[in-house]
Amino acid sequence: MSAHCQLTGARPVFGNKISHSHRRTTRRFDPNIQNKRYWLPGEGRNVRLRLSARAIKTVDAIGIEAAVARVRARGESV
């Protein structure tokens, strides 16, 4: 499964690793993806989300109900 966030849509980005001799090779910057379980009181069940660390802070700020609404608006299943 690809490393992407269900809430923000953060995906890996690519760049260069530069050695001491300044040779460049490609590398991949992955988002900090965590599996997180939340209680969804509106549906009376737990939901599991794959979220980046930044998205976990967003859920804390806006609430799980609003976050799940955003995830569903993006077309992801919850």
C-alpha atoms as a PDB file:
ATOM      1  CA  MET A   1       0.000   0.000   0.000  1.00  0.00           C
ATOM      2  CA  SER A   2       1.323   3.411  -0.904  1.00  0.00           C
ATOM      3  CA  ALA A   3       2.248   5.825   1.842  1.00  0.00           C
ATOM      4  CA  HIS A   4      -0.499   8.421   1.586  1.00  0.00           C
ATOM      5  CA  CYS A   5      -2.666  10.268   4.075  1.00  0.00           C
ATOM      6  CA  GLN A   6      -6.417   9.776   3.862  1.00  0.00           C
ATOM      7  CA  LEU A   7      -7.200  13.269   5.166  1.00  0.00           C
ATOM      8  CA  THR A   8      -4.650  15.594   3.571  1.00  0.00           C
ATOM      9  CA  GLY A   9      -3.655  13.441   0.611  1.00  0.00           C
ATOM     10  CA  ALA A  10       0.048  13.775   1.436  1.00  0.00           C
ATOM     11  CA  ARG A  11       2.066  11.438  -0.801  1.00  0.00           C
ATOM     12  CA  PRO A  12       5.760  10.696  -1.216  1.00  0.00           C
ATOM     13  CA  VAL A  13       7.815  13.305  -3.053  1.00  0.00           C
ATOM     14  CA  PHE A  14      11.085  12.696  -4.821  1.00  0.00           C
ATOM     15  CA  GLY A  15      14.353  14.555  -4.696  1.00  0.00           C
ATOM     16  CA  ASN A  16      18.098  14.086  -4.737  1.00  0.00           C
ATOM     17  CA  LYS A  17      20.441  12.668  -2.156  1.00  0.00           C
ATOM     18  CA  ILE A  18      23.693  14.591  -2.413  1.00  0.00           C
ATOM     19  CA  SER A  19      26.840  12.877  -1.189  1.00  0.00           C
ATOM     20  CA  HIS A  20      29.948  14.504   0.200  1.00  0.00           C
ATOM     21  CA  SER A  21      31.492  14.468  -3.293  1.00  0.00           C
ATOM     22  CA  HIS A  22      28.286  16.129  -4.549  1.00  0.00           C
ATOM     23  CA  ARG A  23      27.121  13.162  -6.638  1.00  0.00           C
ATOM     24  CA  ARG A  24      23.346  13.082  -6.923  1.00  0.00           C
ATOM     25  CA  THR A  25      21.136  10.030  -6.657  1.00  0.00           C
ATOM     26  CA  THR A  26      17.366  10.050  -6.435  1.00  0.00           C
ATOM     27  CA  ARG A  27      15.646   9.457  -3.132  1.00  0.00           C
ATOM     28  CA  ARG A  28      12.108   9.418  -1.780  1.00  0.00           C
ATOM     29  CA  PHE A  29      10.697  11.575   1.020  1.00  0.00           C
ATOM     30  CA  ASP A  30       7.833   9.675   2.677  1.00  0.00           C
ATOM     31  CA  PRO A  31       5.198  11.388   4.833  1.00  0.00           C
ATOM     32  CA  ASN A  32       5.024  10.336   8.478  1.00  0.00           C
ATOM     33  CA  ILE A  33       2.033   7.969   8.150  1.00  0.00           C
ATOM     34  CA  GLN A  34       0.465   6.521  11.303  1.00  0.00           C
ATOM     35  CA  ASN A  35      -2.459   4.124  11.714  1.00  0.00           C
ATOM     36  CA  LYS A  36      -4.915   5.747  14.117  1.00  0.00           C
ATOM     37  CA  ARG A  37      -8.217   4.515  15.513  1.00  0.00           C
ATOM     38  CA  TYR A  38     -10.953   6.978  16.489  1.00  0.00           C
ATOM     39  CA  TRP A  39     -14.389   6.527  18.046  1.00  0.00           C
ATOM     40  CA  LEU A  40     -17.048   7.935  15.719  1.00  0.00           C
ATOM     41  CA  PRO A  41     -19.998   8.804  17.995  1.00  0.00           C
ATOM     42  CA  GLY A  42     -22.377   9.630  15.131  1.00  0.00           C
ATOM     43  CA  GLU A  43     -22.155   6.070  13.807  1.00  0.00           C
ATOM     44  CA  GLY A  44     -21.449   4.328  17.119  1.00  0.00           C
ATOM     45  CA  ARG A  45     -18.304   2.591  15.868  1.00  0.00           C
ATOM     46  CA  ASN A  46     -14.542   2.877  15.614  1.00  0.00           C
ATOM     47  CA  VAL A  47     -12.847   3.971  12.403  1.00  0.00           C
ATOM     48  CA  ARG A  48      -9.263   3.272  11.394  1.00  0.00           C
ATOM     49  CA  LEU A  49      -7.500   5.970   9.422  1.00  0.00           C
ATOM     50  CA  ARG A  50      -4.049   6.175   7.862  1.00  0.00           C
ATOM     51  CA  LEU A  51      -3.027   9.721   8.749  1.00  0.00           C
ATOM     52  CA  SER A  52       0.109  11.809   8.599  1.00  0.00           C
ATOM     53  CA  ALA A  53       1.331  13.366  11.836  1.00  0.00           C
ATOM     54  CA  ARG A  54       0.105  16.761  10.618  1.00  0.00           C
ATOM     55  CA  ALA A  55      -3.353  15.327   9.875  1.00  0.00           C
ATOM     56  CA  ILE A  56      -3.601  13.892  13.405  1.00  0.00           C
ATOM     57  CA  LYS A  57      -3.177  17.442  14.722  1.00  0.00           C
ATOM     58  CA  THR A  58      -5.839  18.610  12.256  1.00  0.00           C
ATOM     59  CA  VAL A  59      -8.277  15.983  13.584  1.00  0.00           C
ATOM     60  CA  ASP A  60      -7.583  17.213  17.125  1.00  0.00           C
ATOM     61  CA  ALA A  61      -8.425  20.766  16.025  1.00  0.00           C
ATOM     62  CA  ILE A  62     -11.547  20.205  13.882  1.00  0.00           C
ATOM     63  CA  GLY A  63     -12.948  17.032  15.441  1.00  0.00           C
ATOM     64  CA  ILE A  64     -13.365  13.503  14.122  1.00  0.00           C
ATOM     65  CA  GLU A  65     -16.833  14.063  12.602  1.00  0.00           C
ATOM     66  CA  ALA A  66     -15.599  16.907  10.382  1.00  0.00           C
ATOM     67  CA  ALA A  67     -12.426  14.983   9.519  1.00  0.00           C
ATOM     68  CA  VAL A  68     -14.394  11.901   8.419  1.00  0.00           C
ATOM     69  CA  ALA A  69     -16.615  14.166   6.305  1.00  0.00           C
ATOM     70  CA  ARG A  70     -13.487  15.528   4.569  1.00  0.00           C
ATOM     71  CA  VAL A  71     -12.131  12.007   4.014  1.00  0.00           C
ATOM     72  CA  ARG A  72     -15.425  10.937   2.438  1.00  0.00           C
ATOM     73  CA  ALA A  73     -15.488  14.088   0.301  1.00  0.00           C
ATOM     74  CA  ARG A  74     -12.120  13.042  -1.138  1.00  0.00           C
ATOM     75  CA  GLY A  75     -13.672   9.720  -2.161  1.00  0.00           C
ATOM     76  CA  GLU A  76     -11.910   7.526   0.403  1.00  0.00           C
ATOM     77  CA  SER A  77     -13.818   4.816   2.195  1.00  0.00           C
ATOM     78  CA  VAL A  78     -13.998   4.888   5.993  1.00  0.00           C
END
